[in-house]
Amino acid sequence: MIQHNEISSLELKHKIRKGEILFGGNKKLKIYGLLNCKSGMRMLQQNRVFFSSEKEAKELGYRPCGNCMKAAYKSWQNRKLDGFI
């Protein structure tokens, strides 16, 4: 996980282009989603983090965004309701 305030804009763009960063997240809300998510673009930079994979985000306890990852969010929500989370 990379915190937005710990990486330069140039380095961030480079890692995104190389495919080293695929998802963004909100460290306060523990939500991850796609980099082009409108909800994610509105969050404060100090709360923004980046992940190299969905697996990494899940392992760190983040849940899918209900806006840009609807299917993954519904699956997460169903597991939560069934008592698996």
C-alpha atoms as a PDB file:
ATOM      1  CA  MET A   1       0.000   0.000   0.000  1.00  0.00           C
ATOM      2  CA  ILE A   2       1.265   3.442  -0.942  1.00  0.00           C
ATOM      3  CA  GLN A   3      -0.077   6.584   0.709  1.00  0.00           C
ATOM      4  CA  HIS A   4      -0.739   9.432  -1.702  1.00  0.00           C
ATOM      5  CA  ASN A   5       1.055  12.014   0.405  1.00  0.00           C
ATOM      6  CA  GLU A   6       4.217   9.851   0.374  1.00  0.00           C
ATOM      7  CA  ILE A   7       4.665   9.697  -3.419  1.00  0.00           C
ATOM      8  CA  SER A   8       5.304  12.410  -5.982  1.00  0.00           C
ATOM      9  CA  SER A   9       2.815  13.035  -8.779  1.00  0.00           C
ATOM     10  CA  LEU A  10       5.415  12.041 -11.363  1.00  0.00           C
ATOM     11  CA  GLU A  11       6.252   8.773  -9.622  1.00  0.00           C
ATOM     12  CA  LEU A  12       2.540   8.022  -9.156  1.00  0.00           C
ATOM     13  CA  LYS A  13       1.825   8.523 -12.876  1.00  0.00           C
ATOM     14  CA  HIS A  14       4.801   6.319 -13.754  1.00  0.00           C
ATOM     15  CA  LYS A  15       3.603   3.485 -11.491  1.00  0.00           C
ATOM     16  CA  ILE A  16       0.077   3.706 -12.906  1.00  0.00           C
ATOM     17  CA  ARG A  17       1.357   3.571 -16.496  1.00  0.00           C
ATOM     18  CA  LYS A  18       3.555   0.550 -15.664  1.00  0.00           C
ATOM     19  CA  GLY A  19       0.602  -1.224 -14.052  1.00  0.00           C
ATOM     20  CA  GLU A  20       2.169  -1.238 -10.592  1.00  0.00           C
ATOM     21  CA  ILE A  21      -0.841   0.629  -9.178  1.00  0.00           C
ATOM     22  CA  LEU A  22      -4.291  -0.641 -10.167  1.00  0.00           C
ATOM     23  CA  PHE A  23      -6.606   0.439  -7.340  1.00  0.00           C
ATOM     24  CA  GLY A  24      -7.081   3.405  -5.050  1.00  0.00           C
ATOM     25  CA  GLY A  25      -8.601   3.506  -1.618  1.00  0.00           C
ATOM     26  CA  ASN A  26      -9.707   5.600   1.311  1.00  0.00           C
ATOM     27  CA  LYS A  27      -7.675   4.721   4.403  1.00  0.00           C
ATOM     28  CA  LYS A  28     -10.223   6.209   6.828  1.00  0.00           C
ATOM     29  CA  LEU A  29     -13.240   4.411   5.365  1.00  0.00           C
ATOM     30  CA  LYS A  30     -11.283   1.252   4.384  1.00  0.00           C
ATOM     31  CA  ILE A  31     -12.784   1.245   0.862  1.00  0.00           C
ATOM     32  CA  TYR A  32     -10.932   0.457  -2.380  1.00  0.00           C
ATOM     33  CA  GLY A  33     -11.977   0.966  -5.966  1.00  0.00           C
ATOM     34  CA  LEU A  34     -10.954   1.722  -9.528  1.00  0.00           C
ATOM     35  CA  LEU A  35      -8.628   4.631 -10.193  1.00  0.00           C
ATOM     36  CA  ASN A  36     -11.205   6.396 -12.373  1.00  0.00           C
ATOM     37  CA  CYS A  37     -14.015   6.192  -9.770  1.00  0.00           C
ATOM     38  CA  LYS A  38     -15.808   9.514  -9.273  1.00  0.00           C
ATOM     39  CA  SER A  39     -16.135   8.843  -5.549  1.00  0.00           C
ATOM     40  CA  GLY A  40     -12.438   8.155  -5.245  1.00  0.00           C
ATOM     41  CA  MET A  41     -11.479  11.283  -7.129  1.00  0.00           C
ATOM     42  CA  ARG A  42     -13.373  13.413  -4.581  1.00  0.00           C
ATOM     43  CA  MET A  43     -11.598  12.073  -1.493  1.00  0.00           C
ATOM     44  CA  LEU A  44      -8.960  14.093   0.295  1.00  0.00           C
ATOM     45  CA  GLN A  45      -5.384  13.370  -0.740  1.00  0.00           C
ATOM     46  CA  GLN A  46      -4.413  12.736   2.883  1.00  0.00           C
ATOM     47  CA  ASN A  47      -6.911   9.835   2.996  1.00  0.00           C
ATOM     48  CA  ARG A  48      -5.974   8.328  -0.402  1.00  0.00           C
ATOM     49  CA  VAL A  49      -3.918   5.154  -0.693  1.00  0.00           C
ATOM     50  CA  PHE A  50      -2.978   2.968  -3.668  1.00  0.00           C
ATOM     51  CA  PHE A  51      -2.791  -0.786  -4.156  1.00  0.00           C
ATOM     52  CA  SER A  52      -1.050  -2.993  -6.686  1.00  0.00           C
ATOM     53  CA  SER A  53      -3.899  -5.520  -6.637  1.00  0.00           C
ATOM     54  CA  GLU A  54      -7.369  -6.213  -5.354  1.00  0.00           C
ATOM     55  CA  LYS A  55      -5.894  -9.027  -3.268  1.00  0.00           C
ATOM     56  CA  GLU A  56      -3.599  -6.571  -1.489  1.00  0.00           C
ATOM     57  CA  ALA A  57      -6.526  -4.277  -0.641  1.00  0.00           C
ATOM     58  CA  LYS A  58      -8.619  -7.171   0.679  1.00  0.00           C
ATOM     59  CA  GLU A  59      -5.741  -8.538   2.767  1.00  0.00           C
ATOM     60  CA  LEU A  60      -5.417  -5.132   4.432  1.00  0.00           C
ATOM     61  CA  GLY A  61      -9.110  -5.187   5.365  1.00  0.00           C
ATOM     62  CA  TYR A  62     -10.521  -2.871   2.692  1.00  0.00           C
ATOM     63  CA  ARG A  63     -13.928  -3.470   1.105  1.00  0.00           C
ATOM     64  CA  PRO A  64     -14.962  -2.839  -2.534  1.00  0.00           C
ATOM     65  CA  CYS A  65     -16.488   0.492  -3.531  1.00  0.00           C
ATOM     66  CA  GLY A  66     -20.237   0.348  -4.027  1.00  0.00           C
ATOM     67  CA  ASN A  67     -20.029   2.932  -6.810  1.00  0.00           C
ATOM     68  CA  CYS A  68     -17.396   1.641  -9.243  1.00  0.00           C
ATOM     69  CA  MET A  69     -17.255  -2.058  -8.232  1.00  0.00           C
ATOM     70  CA  LYS A  70     -20.935  -2.902  -7.846  1.00  0.00           C
ATOM     71  CA  ALA A  71     -20.649  -6.675  -8.358  1.00  0.00           C
ATOM     72  CA  ALA A  72     -17.714  -7.050  -5.947  1.00  0.00           C
ATOM     73  CA  TYR A  73     -19.503  -4.832  -3.418  1.00  0.00           C
ATOM     74  CA  LYS A  74     -22.703  -6.916  -3.615  1.00  0.00           C
ATOM     75  CA  SER A  75     -20.675 -10.092  -3.137  1.00  0.00           C
ATOM     76  CA  TRP A  76     -18.903  -8.556  -0.123  1.00  0.00           C
ATOM     77  CA  GLN A  77     -22.229  -7.378   1.290  1.00  0.00           C
ATOM     78  CA  ASN A  78     -23.792 -10.849   0.905  1.00  0.00           C
ATOM     79  CA  ARG A  79     -20.822 -12.492   2.657  1.00  0.00           C
ATOM     80  CA  LYS A  80     -21.122  -9.915   5.455  1.00  0.00           C
ATOM     81  CA  LEU A  81     -24.859 -10.615   5.868  1.00  0.00           C
ATOM     82  CA  ASP A  82     -24.183 -14.361   5.894  1.00  0.00           C
ATOM     83  CA  GLY A  83     -21.686 -13.870   8.731  1.00  0.00           C
ATOM     84  CA  PHE A  84     -18.498 -14.613   6.814  1.00  0.00           C
ATOM     85  CA  ILE A  85     -16.962 -11.192   7.417  1.00  0.00           C
END
